[in-house]
Amino acid sequence: MKISNIPTDYLLIKALNESELCDFAIIHTTEQWRVRQKERMIAVTTFINDGSFKWLNYKDESVDFFRYSDEDHPEIQQWLSENNMLFIETNAEELKMLKGIDFKMSSYQMQVFSNGNAVYSCFEKNLGDEFWTCEFSLNELT
C-alpha cells in the first residue's frame, strides 16, 4: 500500500463514530463510481438556491470502515494525521489485512449536499451506532 499522486480506485479518508470504534474508511472510487457521482452532482444542483435543502440521501455501499492497527499498515495513521483524504495504491490482499469494524453494519448511505460535498455513513445493525467519513468534495474527485 502506498500513497498515489493520481486518482486510483481507492480513496483513504478519515472516519469516526461517537464510540471511537472507527478511524478511517476506504471509498471504492472506480470509474463507475465517478460516473454515478457526476449524475448525483447534477441532481443536487436543482436545490442550490433552496435555503431549506439539506442533502440528497443515496443508498451506497462503496465504502468500508476500519480501525488503526500497529501490525498492518501502521503508516495509515501518519498519512491521515497530515491529510483528511488521499488516494492509495493497494489490492484486495492488502485490504483483507486491515483491521475492520467488528460489528455487522447496515444502512450504508451517501449524503450529497448542494455545494457538491458528500459524506458516507452507516449504522451498526443491532445498537444503531453511526459511523461516518469526513466531508469530501465530489467536484475534486470526479
N, C-alpha and C. Protein backbone atom coordinates (compact mmCIF):
# COMPACT_ATOMS: atom_id res chain seq x y z
N MET A 1 0.85 -1.17 0.00
CA MET A 1 0.00 0.00 0.00
C MET A 1 0.89 1.23 0.00
N LYS A 2 0.55 2.18 -0.89
CA LYS A 2 1.31 3.43 -0.92
C LYS A 2 0.43 4.56 -1.41
N ILE A 3 0.82 5.77 -1.08
CA ILE A 3 0.10 6.97 -1.49
C ILE A 3 0.27 7.16 -2.99
N SER A 4 -0.78 7.62 -3.64
CA SER A 4 -0.74 7.90 -5.06
C SER A 4 -1.01 9.39 -5.30
N ASN A 5 -0.27 9.99 -6.19
CA ASN A 5 -0.48 11.40 -6.55
C ASN A 5 -1.54 11.56 -7.63
N ILE A 6 -2.00 10.44 -8.19
CA ILE A 6 -3.06 10.47 -9.19
C ILE A 6 -4.24 9.67 -8.66
N PRO A 7 -5.45 9.97 -9.14
CA PRO A 7 -6.62 9.22 -8.67
C PRO A 7 -6.50 7.72 -8.95
N THR A 8 -6.92 6.93 -7.98
CA THR A 8 -6.95 5.48 -8.09
C THR A 8 -8.36 5.01 -7.74
N ASP A 9 -8.55 3.72 -7.67
CA ASP A 9 -9.85 3.17 -7.29
C ASP A 9 -10.06 3.14 -5.77
N TYR A 10 -9.10 3.67 -5.01
CA TYR A 10 -9.19 3.62 -3.54
C TYR A 10 -8.87 4.98 -2.93
N LEU A 11 -9.85 5.55 -2.23
CA LEU A 11 -9.66 6.81 -1.53
C LEU A 11 -9.65 6.53 -0.03
N LEU A 12 -8.54 6.80 0.60
CA LEU A 12 -8.39 6.66 2.05
C LEU A 12 -8.87 7.96 2.67
N ILE A 13 -9.76 7.88 3.66
CA ILE A 13 -10.35 9.09 4.24
C ILE A 13 -10.57 8.91 5.74
N LYS A 14 -10.43 10.00 6.48
CA LYS A 14 -10.70 9.95 7.92
C LYS A 14 -12.16 9.61 8.15
N ALA A 15 -12.41 8.84 9.20
CA ALA A 15 -13.77 8.47 9.56
C ALA A 15 -13.86 8.38 11.08
N LEU A 16 -15.07 8.40 11.60
CA LEU A 16 -15.25 8.35 13.05
C LEU A 16 -16.64 7.89 13.42
N ASN A 17 -16.80 7.72 14.72
CA ASN A 17 -18.12 7.50 15.30
C ASN A 17 -18.04 7.92 16.76
N GLU A 18 -19.19 8.05 17.39
CA GLU A 18 -19.25 8.57 18.76
C GLU A 18 -18.53 7.68 19.76
N SER A 19 -18.46 6.39 19.51
CA SER A 19 -17.82 5.46 20.44
C SER A 19 -16.33 5.26 20.17
N GLU A 20 -15.79 6.01 19.21
CA GLU A 20 -14.38 5.92 18.84
C GLU A 20 -13.97 4.51 18.43
N LEU A 21 -14.87 3.84 17.70
CA LEU A 21 -14.61 2.49 17.22
C LEU A 21 -14.17 2.48 15.76
N CYS A 22 -13.93 3.65 15.20
CA CYS A 22 -13.60 3.77 13.79
C CYS A 22 -12.59 4.88 13.60
N ASP A 23 -11.60 4.66 12.72
CA ASP A 23 -10.57 5.66 12.48
C ASP A 23 -10.51 6.15 11.04
N PHE A 24 -10.78 5.25 10.11
CA PHE A 24 -10.69 5.64 8.70
C PHE A 24 -11.60 4.76 7.86
N ALA A 25 -11.76 5.17 6.62
CA ALA A 25 -12.56 4.40 5.66
C ALA A 25 -11.83 4.38 4.33
N ILE A 26 -12.22 3.45 3.51
CA ILE A 26 -11.72 3.40 2.14
C ILE A 26 -12.94 3.41 1.23
N ILE A 27 -13.00 4.42 0.37
CA ILE A 27 -14.08 4.54 -0.60
C ILE A 27 -13.57 3.94 -1.91
N HIS A 28 -14.37 3.10 -2.50
CA HIS A 28 -14.01 2.44 -3.75
C HIS A 28 -14.41 3.33 -4.92
N THR A 29 -13.48 4.14 -5.38
CA THR A 29 -13.73 5.19 -6.36
C THR A 29 -13.43 4.71 -7.79
N THR A 30 -14.14 3.69 -8.21
CA THR A 30 -13.96 3.13 -9.55
C THR A 30 -14.49 4.11 -10.60
N GLU A 31 -14.26 3.81 -11.84
CA GLU A 31 -14.79 4.65 -12.93
C GLU A 31 -16.31 4.72 -12.86
N GLN A 32 -16.98 3.60 -12.58
CA GLN A 32 -18.44 3.60 -12.45
C GLN A 32 -18.87 4.50 -11.29
N TRP A 33 -18.11 4.48 -10.21
CA TRP A 33 -18.41 5.34 -9.06
C TRP A 33 -18.33 6.80 -9.47
N ARG A 34 -17.29 7.18 -10.20
CA ARG A 34 -17.12 8.58 -10.63
C ARG A 34 -18.28 9.02 -11.53
N VAL A 35 -18.70 8.16 -12.44
CA VAL A 35 -19.84 8.49 -13.31
C VAL A 35 -21.10 8.70 -12.48
N ARG A 36 -21.33 7.82 -11.51
CA ARG A 36 -22.52 7.92 -10.65
C ARG A 36 -22.49 9.22 -9.83
N GLN A 37 -21.32 9.64 -9.39
CA GLN A 37 -21.23 10.87 -8.59
C GLN A 37 -21.50 12.11 -9.44
N LYS A 38 -21.06 12.10 -10.69
CA LYS A 38 -21.36 13.21 -11.60
C LYS A 38 -22.87 13.36 -11.77
N GLU A 39 -23.57 12.24 -11.89
CA GLU A 39 -25.03 12.26 -12.00
C GLU A 39 -25.66 12.82 -10.73
N ARG A 40 -25.12 12.46 -9.60
CA ARG A 40 -25.65 12.95 -8.32
C ARG A 40 -25.41 14.44 -8.16
N MET A 41 -24.26 14.92 -8.62
CA MET A 41 -23.99 16.36 -8.53
C MET A 41 -24.94 17.15 -9.41
N ILE A 42 -25.29 16.61 -10.56
CA ILE A 42 -26.27 17.27 -11.43
C ILE A 42 -27.63 17.31 -10.72
N ALA A 43 -28.02 16.21 -10.11
CA ALA A 43 -29.32 16.14 -9.41
C ALA A 43 -29.41 17.15 -8.27
N VAL A 44 -28.33 17.33 -7.55
CA VAL A 44 -28.37 18.21 -6.38
C VAL A 44 -28.37 19.70 -6.78
N THR A 45 -27.94 20.04 -7.98
CA THR A 45 -27.93 21.45 -8.40
C THR A 45 -29.34 22.04 -8.45
N THR A 46 -30.34 21.20 -8.57
CA THR A 46 -31.73 21.65 -8.55
C THR A 46 -32.03 22.43 -7.27
N PHE A 47 -31.33 22.10 -6.19
CA PHE A 47 -31.63 22.68 -4.88
C PHE A 47 -30.63 23.75 -4.44
N ILE A 48 -29.76 24.18 -5.32
CA ILE A 48 -28.66 25.07 -4.93
C ILE A 48 -29.15 26.38 -4.29
N ASN A 49 -30.31 26.87 -4.69
CA ASN A 49 -30.83 28.13 -4.13
C ASN A 49 -31.93 27.92 -3.10
N ASP A 50 -32.13 26.70 -2.67
CA ASP A 50 -33.16 26.37 -1.69
C ASP A 50 -32.53 26.35 -0.30
N GLY A 51 -32.78 27.39 0.47
CA GLY A 51 -32.19 27.51 1.80
C GLY A 51 -32.64 26.45 2.79
N SER A 52 -33.74 25.78 2.51
CA SER A 52 -34.22 24.74 3.42
C SER A 52 -33.70 23.35 3.05
N PHE A 53 -32.99 23.25 1.94
CA PHE A 53 -32.47 21.96 1.49
C PHE A 53 -31.26 21.54 2.32
N LYS A 54 -31.21 20.26 2.72
CA LYS A 54 -30.07 19.73 3.47
C LYS A 54 -29.19 18.87 2.57
N TRP A 55 -29.72 17.75 2.05
CA TRP A 55 -28.95 16.86 1.21
C TRP A 55 -29.86 15.87 0.50
N LEU A 56 -29.30 15.24 -0.53
CA LEU A 56 -29.93 14.07 -1.13
C LEU A 56 -29.27 12.86 -0.51
N ASN A 57 -30.06 11.87 -0.18
CA ASN A 57 -29.56 10.68 0.50
C ASN A 57 -29.66 9.49 -0.45
N TYR A 58 -28.53 8.80 -0.65
CA TYR A 58 -28.47 7.66 -1.55
C TYR A 58 -28.02 6.41 -0.80
N LYS A 59 -28.62 5.28 -1.13
CA LYS A 59 -28.08 4.01 -0.66
C LYS A 59 -26.80 3.78 -1.45
N ASP A 60 -25.70 3.55 -0.75
CA ASP A 60 -24.41 3.41 -1.44
C ASP A 60 -23.46 2.64 -0.54
N GLU A 61 -23.02 1.48 -0.98
CA GLU A 61 -22.14 0.62 -0.18
C GLU A 61 -20.70 0.61 -0.71
N SER A 62 -20.27 1.72 -1.30
CA SER A 62 -18.93 1.81 -1.88
C SER A 62 -17.87 2.18 -0.86
N VAL A 63 -18.12 1.92 0.40
CA VAL A 63 -17.20 2.32 1.47
C VAL A 63 -17.06 1.19 2.49
N ASP A 64 -15.86 1.09 3.06
CA ASP A 64 -15.60 0.17 4.16
C ASP A 64 -14.92 0.96 5.28
N PHE A 65 -15.27 0.64 6.52
CA PHE A 65 -14.74 1.35 7.68
C PHE A 65 -13.73 0.47 8.42
N PHE A 66 -12.69 1.12 9.00
CA PHE A 66 -11.60 0.39 9.62
C PHE A 66 -11.10 1.09 10.88
N ARG A 67 -10.24 0.36 11.61
CA ARG A 67 -9.52 0.90 12.78
C ARG A 67 -8.04 0.89 12.47
N TYR A 68 -7.31 1.79 13.14
CA TYR A 68 -5.85 1.78 13.00
C TYR A 68 -5.30 0.49 13.61
N SER A 69 -4.17 0.05 13.09
CA SER A 69 -3.52 -1.15 13.59
C SER A 69 -2.02 -0.92 13.62
N ASP A 70 -1.38 -1.33 14.71
CA ASP A 70 0.07 -1.23 14.81
C ASP A 70 0.75 -2.35 14.00
N GLU A 71 -0.02 -3.38 13.65
CA GLU A 71 0.56 -4.54 12.98
C GLU A 71 0.47 -4.45 11.46
N ASP A 72 -0.66 -4.05 10.94
CA ASP A 72 -0.87 -4.00 9.50
C ASP A 72 -1.05 -2.56 9.03
N HIS A 73 -0.10 -2.07 8.29
CA HIS A 73 -0.12 -0.73 7.71
C HIS A 73 -0.27 0.38 8.76
N PRO A 74 0.64 0.42 9.73
CA PRO A 74 0.58 1.49 10.74
C PRO A 74 0.81 2.88 10.13
N GLU A 75 1.34 2.93 8.92
CA GLU A 75 1.59 4.22 8.26
C GLU A 75 0.30 4.97 7.95
N ILE A 76 -0.82 4.27 7.92
CA ILE A 76 -2.09 4.93 7.62
C ILE A 76 -2.40 6.03 8.62
N GLN A 77 -2.12 5.79 9.89
CA GLN A 77 -2.38 6.79 10.92
C GLN A 77 -1.54 8.04 10.67
N GLN A 78 -0.30 7.88 10.29
CA GLN A 78 0.57 9.02 9.97
C GLN A 78 0.04 9.77 8.75
N TRP A 79 -0.32 9.03 7.71
CA TRP A 79 -0.83 9.67 6.50
C TRP A 79 -2.05 10.53 6.80
N LEU A 80 -2.97 10.00 7.62
CA LEU A 80 -4.21 10.74 7.90
C LEU A 80 -4.02 11.81 8.97
N SER A 81 -2.87 11.84 9.62
CA SER A 81 -2.60 12.96 10.53
C SER A 81 -2.19 14.19 9.73
N GLU A 82 -1.79 13.98 8.48
CA GLU A 82 -1.35 15.07 7.62
C GLU A 82 -2.41 15.48 6.59
N ASN A 83 -3.34 14.59 6.28
CA ASN A 83 -4.38 14.84 5.27
C ASN A 83 -5.68 14.19 5.70
N ASN A 84 -6.82 14.80 5.33
CA ASN A 84 -8.11 14.18 5.61
C ASN A 84 -8.41 13.04 4.67
N MET A 85 -7.84 13.11 3.47
CA MET A 85 -8.07 12.05 2.50
C MET A 85 -6.94 12.04 1.48
N LEU A 86 -6.71 10.86 0.90
CA LEU A 86 -5.71 10.73 -0.15
C LEU A 86 -5.94 9.44 -0.91
N PHE A 87 -5.53 9.44 -2.15
CA PHE A 87 -5.64 8.23 -2.95
C PHE A 87 -4.50 7.30 -2.60
N ILE A 88 -4.80 6.00 -2.63
CA ILE A 88 -3.77 5.00 -2.36
C ILE A 88 -3.77 3.94 -3.46
N GLU A 89 -2.61 3.34 -3.64
CA GLU A 89 -2.48 2.17 -4.49
C GLU A 89 -2.46 0.96 -3.55
N THR A 90 -3.38 0.04 -3.78
CA THR A 90 -3.48 -1.15 -2.94
C THR A 90 -4.12 -2.27 -3.75
N ASN A 91 -4.37 -3.38 -3.10
CA ASN A 91 -5.02 -4.51 -3.76
C ASN A 91 -5.89 -5.25 -2.74
N ALA A 92 -6.64 -6.20 -3.21
CA ALA A 92 -7.57 -6.94 -2.34
C ALA A 92 -6.86 -7.63 -1.19
N GLU A 93 -5.68 -8.16 -1.45
CA GLU A 93 -4.92 -8.86 -0.40
C GLU A 93 -4.55 -7.90 0.74
N GLU A 94 -4.08 -6.71 0.40
CA GLU A 94 -3.73 -5.72 1.43
C GLU A 94 -4.96 -5.25 2.18
N LEU A 95 -6.07 -5.08 1.48
CA LEU A 95 -7.29 -4.64 2.15
C LEU A 95 -7.79 -5.67 3.16
N LYS A 96 -7.61 -6.94 2.87
CA LYS A 96 -8.02 -8.00 3.80
C LYS A 96 -7.22 -7.95 5.10
N MET A 97 -6.00 -7.42 5.06
CA MET A 97 -5.16 -7.35 6.25
C MET A 97 -5.54 -6.20 7.19
N LEU A 98 -6.32 -5.24 6.71
CA LEU A 98 -6.70 -4.10 7.55
C LEU A 98 -7.66 -4.54 8.65
N LYS A 99 -7.62 -3.83 9.76
CA LYS A 99 -8.47 -4.15 10.91
C LYS A 99 -9.85 -3.54 10.69
N GLY A 100 -10.81 -4.39 10.37
CA GLY A 100 -12.16 -3.92 10.12
C GLY A 100 -12.94 -3.65 11.39
N ILE A 101 -14.14 -3.20 11.22
CA ILE A 101 -15.05 -2.96 12.35
C ILE A 101 -15.67 -4.31 12.71
N ASP A 102 -15.71 -4.62 14.00
CA ASP A 102 -16.17 -5.94 14.47
C ASP A 102 -17.68 -6.07 14.62
N PHE A 103 -18.41 -5.22 13.95
CA PHE A 103 -19.86 -5.24 14.06
C PHE A 103 -20.49 -5.48 12.70
N LYS A 104 -21.72 -5.94 12.71
CA LYS A 104 -22.50 -6.07 11.48
C LYS A 104 -23.02 -4.68 11.13
N MET A 105 -22.62 -4.17 9.96
CA MET A 105 -23.01 -2.82 9.55
C MET A 105 -24.21 -2.89 8.61
N SER A 106 -25.03 -1.85 8.62
CA SER A 106 -26.20 -1.79 7.74
C SER A 106 -26.48 -0.34 7.36
N SER A 107 -27.44 -0.17 6.49
CA SER A 107 -27.92 1.15 6.07
C SER A 107 -26.79 2.05 5.56
N TYR A 108 -25.96 1.51 4.69
CA TYR A 108 -24.91 2.32 4.08
C TYR A 108 -25.55 3.39 3.21
N GLN A 109 -25.06 4.62 3.36
CA GLN A 109 -25.64 5.70 2.59
C GLN A 109 -24.62 6.80 2.32
N MET A 110 -24.92 7.58 1.30
CA MET A 110 -24.13 8.76 0.97
C MET A 110 -25.07 9.95 0.94
N GLN A 111 -24.67 11.00 1.65
CA GLN A 111 -25.43 12.24 1.61
C GLN A 111 -24.66 13.22 0.72
N VAL A 112 -25.35 13.78 -0.28
CA VAL A 112 -24.75 14.74 -1.20
C VAL A 112 -25.39 16.09 -0.95
N PHE A 113 -24.56 17.08 -0.62
CA PHE A 113 -25.01 18.42 -0.30
C PHE A 113 -25.04 19.30 -1.55
N SER A 114 -25.78 20.39 -1.51
CA SER A 114 -25.93 21.25 -2.69
C SER A 114 -24.62 21.89 -3.13
N ASN A 115 -23.62 21.96 -2.24
CA ASN A 115 -22.32 22.54 -2.61
C ASN A 115 -21.40 21.53 -3.29
N GLY A 116 -21.88 20.30 -3.52
CA GLY A 116 -21.07 19.27 -4.17
C GLY A 116 -20.25 18.44 -3.22
N ASN A 117 -20.36 18.70 -1.93
CA ASN A 117 -19.67 17.87 -0.93
C ASN A 117 -20.55 16.70 -0.55
N ALA A 118 -19.92 15.69 0.08
CA ALA A 118 -20.66 14.49 0.46
C ALA A 118 -20.02 13.86 1.69
N VAL A 119 -20.76 12.97 2.32
CA VAL A 119 -20.25 12.10 3.38
C VAL A 119 -20.88 10.73 3.20
N TYR A 120 -20.15 9.72 3.63
CA TYR A 120 -20.70 8.36 3.73
C TYR A 120 -21.01 8.09 5.18
N SER A 121 -22.05 7.30 5.41
CA SER A 121 -22.33 6.85 6.77
C SER A 121 -22.98 5.47 6.72
N CYS A 122 -22.95 4.80 7.85
CA CYS A 122 -23.65 3.53 8.02
C CYS A 122 -23.89 3.34 9.51
N PHE A 123 -24.65 2.32 9.84
CA PHE A 123 -25.02 2.08 11.23
C PHE A 123 -24.69 0.66 11.62
N GLU A 124 -24.31 0.49 12.88
CA GLU A 124 -24.15 -0.84 13.44
C GLU A 124 -25.55 -1.42 13.56
N LYS A 125 -25.73 -2.62 13.06
CA LYS A 125 -27.06 -3.18 12.86
C LYS A 125 -27.88 -3.32 14.14
N ASN A 126 -27.30 -3.76 15.25
CA ASN A 126 -28.08 -4.03 16.47
C ASN A 126 -28.18 -2.85 17.42
N LEU A 127 -27.10 -2.09 17.59
CA LEU A 127 -27.09 -0.99 18.55
C LEU A 127 -27.40 0.36 17.91
N GLY A 128 -27.28 0.45 16.59
CA GLY A 128 -27.58 1.70 15.90
C GLY A 128 -26.47 2.72 15.96
N ASP A 129 -25.27 2.33 16.38
CA ASP A 129 -24.13 3.24 16.44
C ASP A 129 -23.80 3.69 15.02
N GLU A 130 -23.66 5.00 14.80
CA GLU A 130 -23.40 5.54 13.46
C GLU A 130 -21.91 5.72 13.21
N PHE A 131 -21.47 5.39 12.00
CA PHE A 131 -20.11 5.60 11.53
C PHE A 131 -20.19 6.52 10.32
N TRP A 132 -19.24 7.45 10.19
CA TRP A 132 -19.28 8.36 9.05
C TRP A 132 -17.88 8.82 8.66
N THR A 133 -17.76 9.23 7.39
CA THR A 133 -16.50 9.76 6.89
C THR A 133 -16.47 11.26 7.08
N CYS A 134 -15.31 11.84 6.95
CA CYS A 134 -15.19 13.29 6.86
C CYS A 134 -15.91 13.75 5.60
N GLU A 135 -16.34 14.98 5.59
CA GLU A 135 -16.96 15.54 4.40
C GLU A 135 -15.89 15.70 3.32
N PHE A 136 -16.25 15.38 2.09
CA PHE A 136 -15.30 15.48 0.98
C PHE A 136 -16.00 16.07 -0.25
N SER A 137 -15.20 16.60 -1.16
CA SER A 137 -15.71 17.26 -2.35
C SER A 137 -15.82 16.29 -3.52
N LEU A 138 -17.05 16.10 -4.01
CA LEU A 138 -17.23 15.28 -5.20
C LEU A 138 -16.66 15.97 -6.43
N ASN A 139 -16.69 17.30 -6.43
CA ASN A 139 -16.12 18.05 -7.57
C ASN A 139 -14.64 17.72 -7.74
N GLU A 140 -13.92 17.59 -6.65
CA GLU A 140 -12.49 17.29 -6.73
C GLU A 140 -12.21 15.85 -7.15
N LEU A 141 -13.16 14.95 -6.92
CA LEU A 141 -12.93 13.53 -7.16
C LEU A 141 -13.44 13.03 -8.51
N THR A 142 -14.25 13.85 -9.21
CA THR A 142 -14.82 13.36 -10.46
C THR A 142 -14.30 14.10 -11.67
